Protein backbone atom coordinates (compact mmCIF):
# COMPACT_ATOMS: atom_id res chain seq x y z
CA MET A 1 -83.30 -63.32 14.83
CA LEU A 2 -84.00 -65.22 11.66
CA THR A 3 -81.94 -65.21 8.49
CA ASP A 4 -82.93 -66.15 4.95
CA ALA A 5 -81.14 -69.46 5.43
CA HIS A 6 -83.18 -70.20 8.57
CA CYS A 7 -86.39 -69.52 6.66
CA ARG A 8 -85.43 -71.72 3.71
CA ASN A 9 -84.38 -74.63 5.91
CA ALA A 10 -87.15 -74.39 8.52
CA ILE A 11 -89.16 -77.62 8.85
CA CYS A 12 -91.84 -78.89 11.20
CA PRO A 13 -91.36 -82.28 12.92
CA PRO A 14 -94.01 -84.76 11.70
CA ASP A 15 -95.28 -85.34 15.24
CA ARG A 16 -96.25 -81.65 15.69
CA LYS A 17 -99.12 -79.69 14.23
CA GLN A 18 -96.90 -76.69 13.56
CA ALA A 19 -93.56 -75.13 14.45
CA ARG A 20 -92.82 -71.47 15.10
CA PHE A 21 -89.54 -69.77 14.28
CA THR A 22 -89.32 -66.42 16.05
CA ASP A 23 -87.72 -63.33 14.57
CA ALA A 24 -88.18 -60.15 16.65
CA GLY A 25 -90.85 -57.67 17.63
CA GLY A 26 -93.62 -60.27 17.56
CA LEU A 27 -92.80 -61.60 14.06
CA TYR A 28 -92.57 -65.35 13.54
CA LEU A 29 -92.60 -67.90 10.74
CA GLN A 30 -95.12 -70.72 11.18
CA VAL A 31 -94.26 -73.99 9.43
CA SER A 32 -96.65 -76.92 8.98
CA PRO A 33 -95.72 -80.61 8.54
CA SER A 34 -96.69 -80.32 4.86
CA GLY A 35 -93.98 -77.70 4.40
CA SER A 36 -96.12 -74.57 4.01
CA LYS A 37 -94.66 -71.49 5.69
CA ARG A 38 -96.61 -68.41 6.79
CA TRP A 39 -95.65 -65.16 8.47
CA PHE A 40 -97.52 -63.85 11.52
CA TYR A 41 -97.25 -60.81 13.73
CA LYS A 42 -98.20 -61.55 17.34
CA TYR A 43 -99.46 -58.82 19.65
CA ARG A 44 -101.81 -58.34 22.58
CA THR A 45 -104.89 -56.15 22.84
CA ASP A 46 -106.84 -55.83 26.08
CA GLY A 47 -104.91 -58.78 27.47
CA LYS A 48 -105.85 -61.01 24.52
CA GLU A 49 -103.25 -62.43 22.14
CA LYS A 50 -103.85 -61.88 18.41
CA GLN A 51 -102.04 -63.00 15.27
CA LEU A 52 -102.01 -60.91 12.09
CA ALA A 53 -101.24 -62.94 8.96
CA LEU A 54 -98.56 -61.27 6.81
CA GLY A 55 -98.36 -63.68 3.87
CA SER A 56 -96.63 -66.89 2.86
CA TYR A 57 -92.92 -67.59 2.50
CA PRO A 58 -91.12 -67.37 0.06
CA ALA A 59 -93.63 -65.10 -1.76
CA VAL A 60 -93.17 -62.73 1.19
CA GLY A 61 -89.51 -62.71 2.09
CA LEU A 62 -87.95 -61.96 5.47
CA THR A 63 -87.34 -58.28 4.68
CA ALA A 64 -90.90 -57.76 3.42
CA ALA A 65 -92.34 -59.53 6.46
CA ARG A 66 -90.38 -57.23 8.78
CA LYS A 67 -91.69 -54.18 6.92
CA ALA A 68 -95.27 -55.47 7.21
CA ARG A 69 -94.71 -56.03 10.94
CA ASP A 70 -93.43 -52.47 11.34
CA VAL A 71 -96.51 -51.10 9.57
CA ALA A 72 -98.74 -53.07 11.94
CA LYS A 73 -96.77 -51.80 14.94
CA MET A 74 -97.22 -48.23 13.69
CA GLN A 75 -100.98 -48.79 13.44
CA ARG A 76 -101.02 -49.95 17.03
CA ALA A 77 -99.00 -46.92 18.11
CA GLN A 78 -101.66 -44.74 16.50
CA GLY A 79 -104.40 -46.50 18.47
CA SER A 80 -105.62 -48.80 15.69
CA ASP A 81 -105.97 -52.57 15.80
CA PRO A 82 -104.17 -53.97 12.70
CA ILE A 83 -106.65 -56.81 12.23
CA GLU A 84 -109.66 -54.49 12.47
CA ALA A 85 -107.96 -52.03 10.12
CA ARG A 86 -107.52 -54.81 7.55
CA LYS A 87 -111.17 -55.81 7.86
CA LEU A 88 -112.17 -52.19 7.24
CA GLU A 89 -109.98 -52.00 4.12
CA LYS A 90 -111.57 -55.19 2.76
CA LEU A 91 -115.02 -53.75 3.45
CA LYS A 92 -114.16 -50.56 1.60
CA GLY A 93 -112.77 -52.54 -1.30
CA GLY A 94 -115.99 -54.54 -1.54
CA ILE A 95 -118.14 -51.46 -2.00
CA ASP A 96 -118.94 -51.12 -5.70
CA ARG A 97 -119.14 -47.37 -6.10
CA GLY A 98 -117.40 -44.51 -7.81
CA ASP A 99 -116.18 -41.41 -6.05
CA SER A 100 -117.03 -38.85 -8.74
CA PHE A 101 -119.77 -36.32 -8.16
CA GLN A 102 -121.87 -37.90 -10.91
CA ALA A 103 -121.50 -41.44 -9.53
CA VAL A 104 -122.39 -40.38 -5.99
CA ALA A 105 -125.32 -38.25 -7.22
CA LEU A 106 -126.70 -41.16 -9.27
CA ASP A 107 -126.38 -43.49 -6.28
CA TRP A 108 -128.08 -40.96 -4.00
CA HIS A 109 -130.87 -40.40 -6.53
CA GLY A 110 -131.46 -44.15 -6.86
CA LYS A 111 -131.86 -44.49 -3.10
CA GLN A 112 -134.26 -41.55 -2.80
CA VAL A 113 -136.47 -41.70 -5.90
CA ALA A 114 -138.55 -44.68 -4.75
CA GLY A 115 -140.10 -42.59 -1.97
CA TRP A 116 -140.74 -39.47 -4.05
CA ASN A 117 -143.97 -38.40 -5.65
CA ALA A 118 -143.95 -37.07 -9.23
CA GLU A 119 -143.34 -33.46 -8.15
CA LEU A 120 -140.41 -34.32 -5.90
CA GLU A 121 -138.91 -36.58 -8.56
CA THR A 122 -138.88 -33.66 -11.00
CA VAL A 123 -137.21 -31.40 -8.44
CA GLY A 124 -134.68 -34.12 -7.61
CA ALA A 125 -133.66 -34.29 -11.27
CA ARG A 126 -132.03 -30.84 -11.10
CA PRO A 127 -128.72 -31.22 -9.26
CA VAL A 128 -125.82 -28.82 -9.44
CA PRO A 129 -124.16 -29.00 -12.90
CA LEU A 130 -120.64 -29.74 -11.70
CA ALA A 131 -118.22 -31.75 -13.83
CA GLY A 132 -119.52 -35.30 -13.57
CA SER A 133 -116.05 -36.86 -13.51
CA ALA A 134 -114.72 -34.60 -10.74
CA PRO A 135 -114.07 -36.49 -7.47
CA LEU A 136 -116.66 -35.49 -4.89
CA ALA A 137 -114.06 -35.12 -2.14
CA GLY A 138 -111.88 -32.93 -4.38
CA ILE A 139 -114.44 -30.23 -5.21
CA GLU A 140 -113.69 -26.95 -3.46
CA PRO A 141 -116.37 -24.71 -1.86
CA MET A 142 -115.66 -21.82 -4.23
CA GLU A 143 -116.21 -24.08 -7.24
CA LEU A 144 -119.70 -24.80 -5.96
CA VAL A 145 -120.30 -21.11 -5.20
CA PHE A 146 -119.26 -20.21 -8.76
CA VAL A 147 -121.75 -22.67 -10.25
CA LEU A 148 -124.59 -21.48 -8.02
CA GLN A 149 -123.88 -17.85 -8.81
CA LYS A 150 -124.04 -18.64 -12.53
CA VAL A 151 -127.56 -19.93 -11.91
CA GLU A 152 -128.39 -16.74 -10.02
CA GLU A 153 -127.19 -14.59 -12.93
CA ARG A 154 -130.07 -16.00 -14.98
CA GLY A 155 -132.45 -14.68 -12.35
CA ALA A 156 -133.24 -18.20 -11.17
CA LEU A 157 -132.83 -17.53 -7.44
CA GLU A 158 -135.16 -20.34 -6.41
CA THR A 159 -133.30 -22.81 -8.64
CA ALA A 160 -129.98 -21.82 -7.05
CA ASP A 161 -131.48 -22.25 -3.60
CA ARG A 162 -132.83 -25.70 -4.47
CA ALA A 163 -129.56 -26.69 -6.14
CA LEU A 164 -127.66 -25.92 -2.95
CA MET A 165 -130.16 -27.97 -0.96
CA LEU A 166 -129.69 -30.96 -3.29
CA ALA A 167 -125.90 -30.56 -3.28
CA ARG A 168 -125.92 -30.61 0.52
CA GLN A 169 -127.82 -33.92 0.52
CA ILE A 170 -125.47 -35.45 -2.06
CA TRP A 171 -122.36 -34.40 -0.12
CA ARG A 172 -123.67 -35.73 3.17
CA TYR A 173 -124.61 -38.99 1.46
CA GLY A 174 -121.27 -39.49 -0.27
CA LEU A 175 -118.59 -38.26 2.11
CA PRO A 176 -118.70 -41.12 4.65
CA THR A 177 -117.56 -43.58 1.95
CA VAL A 178 -115.46 -41.49 -0.45
CA SER A 179 -113.33 -39.53 1.99
CA ASN A 180 -111.82 -39.75 5.45
CA ASN A 181 -112.27 -36.01 5.72
CA GLN A 182 -115.86 -35.58 6.83
CA CYS A 183 -116.08 -32.04 5.46
CA ASP A 184 -119.39 -30.85 4.04
CA ILE A 185 -118.37 -28.03 1.70
CA THR A 186 -121.99 -26.83 1.43
CA GLU A 187 -121.94 -25.72 5.07
CA GLY A 188 -122.32 -21.95 5.25
CA LEU A 189 -122.64 -21.42 1.49
CA LYS A 190 -126.23 -20.24 1.72
CA SER A 191 -124.98 -16.89 3.01
CA ARG A 192 -123.04 -16.42 -0.25
CA LEU A 193 -126.22 -16.59 -2.33
CA THR A 194 -128.75 -13.88 -3.00
CA PRO A 195 -131.59 -14.37 -0.49
CA TYR A 196 -134.61 -16.00 -2.06
CA HIS A 197 -137.99 -15.03 -0.66
CA ALA A 198 -140.73 -17.43 -1.61
CA LYS A 199 -143.83 -15.90 -3.09
CA ASN A 200 -147.38 -17.14 -3.14
CA PHE A 201 -148.22 -19.04 -6.30
CA ALA A 202 -150.45 -17.27 -8.77
CA ALA A 203 -154.04 -18.43 -8.51
CA ILE A 204 -156.84 -18.47 -11.07
CA VAL A 205 -160.10 -17.46 -9.46
CA GLU A 206 -162.22 -16.88 -12.56
CA PRO A 207 -164.10 -20.01 -13.72
CA GLN A 208 -163.66 -19.19 -17.42
CA ARG A 209 -159.86 -18.82 -17.12
CA PHE A 210 -159.66 -22.01 -15.06
CA ASP A 211 -161.44 -23.83 -17.87
CA GLU A 212 -158.81 -22.48 -20.28
CA LEU A 213 -156.04 -23.77 -18.02
CA LEU A 214 -157.52 -27.27 -17.94
CA GLY A 215 -157.74 -27.24 -21.72
CA ALA A 216 -154.11 -26.15 -22.06
CA MET A 217 -152.95 -28.84 -19.64
CA HIS A 218 -154.85 -31.50 -21.56
CA ALA A 219 -153.31 -30.36 -24.85
CA TYR A 220 -149.72 -30.17 -23.52
CA LYS A 221 -147.47 -32.79 -25.13
CA GLY A 222 -144.14 -31.93 -23.47
CA GLY A 223 -142.06 -33.99 -21.05
CA ARG A 224 -140.04 -33.59 -17.91
CA THR A 225 -137.12 -31.20 -17.77
CA PRO A 226 -134.03 -33.25 -18.75
CA CYS A 227 -131.25 -33.58 -16.23
CA TRP A 228 -127.62 -33.45 -17.34
CA TRP A 229 -126.41 -35.96 -14.76
CA LEU A 230 -128.41 -38.91 -16.13
CA PRO A 231 -126.90 -40.71 -19.14
CA CYS A 232 -130.04 -40.21 -21.25
CA CYS A 233 -129.79 -36.42 -20.91
CA ALA A 234 -126.00 -36.03 -20.94
CA SER A 235 -126.11 -34.74 -24.51
CA ALA A 236 -128.26 -31.71 -23.60
CA PRO A 237 -126.97 -30.19 -20.32
CA ALA A 238 -127.95 -26.66 -21.25
CA THR A 239 -131.67 -27.48 -21.15
CA CYS A 240 -131.73 -28.16 -17.41
CA ALA A 241 -133.15 -25.35 -15.31
């Protein structure tokens, strides 16, 4: 086994491309003719030899290298390839996203809105009013039930039903990247809500009243219902239906 003195004094003969100084358990120090020294953990997967880089010496000392080797060995014992696990961590780190409910909802909305017509876009702008900074993976089912029941108390049964539908889409969109626990907390929550039975929309069948409706629509100067989760509407959350 290596010692700190071995590592400090290790050199590579000028006539060789590299020299290896073996420790134990697959760990070795690779030295180049230029004097650079790097730690590697050697193991085999499916009969193929692999080397996992563990850092450069002396930035990574002998003790730290052994600890890194032990972590890699533990990953293998759990059925994971250390090199593939590192690639996955780098991939996760390269994803520019937040894990809060608001961040995930905004990302989901941005992906969906391009394919929506005006009516769907208005409906999609009414998500569940949960705390925007709360981590998506940390929200409990009963927290969501509480919010939905508050909507029901206003008599807005359809709004509560739609809010649950939107929440379900946001959770399913966000969980694969914000949590290892693939748990959709919206599953089964519909049974906790008051059943909503859709009714036929009111219809105007008298020509004179239809003319009045067209006139009212033409004179209307309002806008879309604001949505608390977008920055432009964050100052008026109570106005969202």
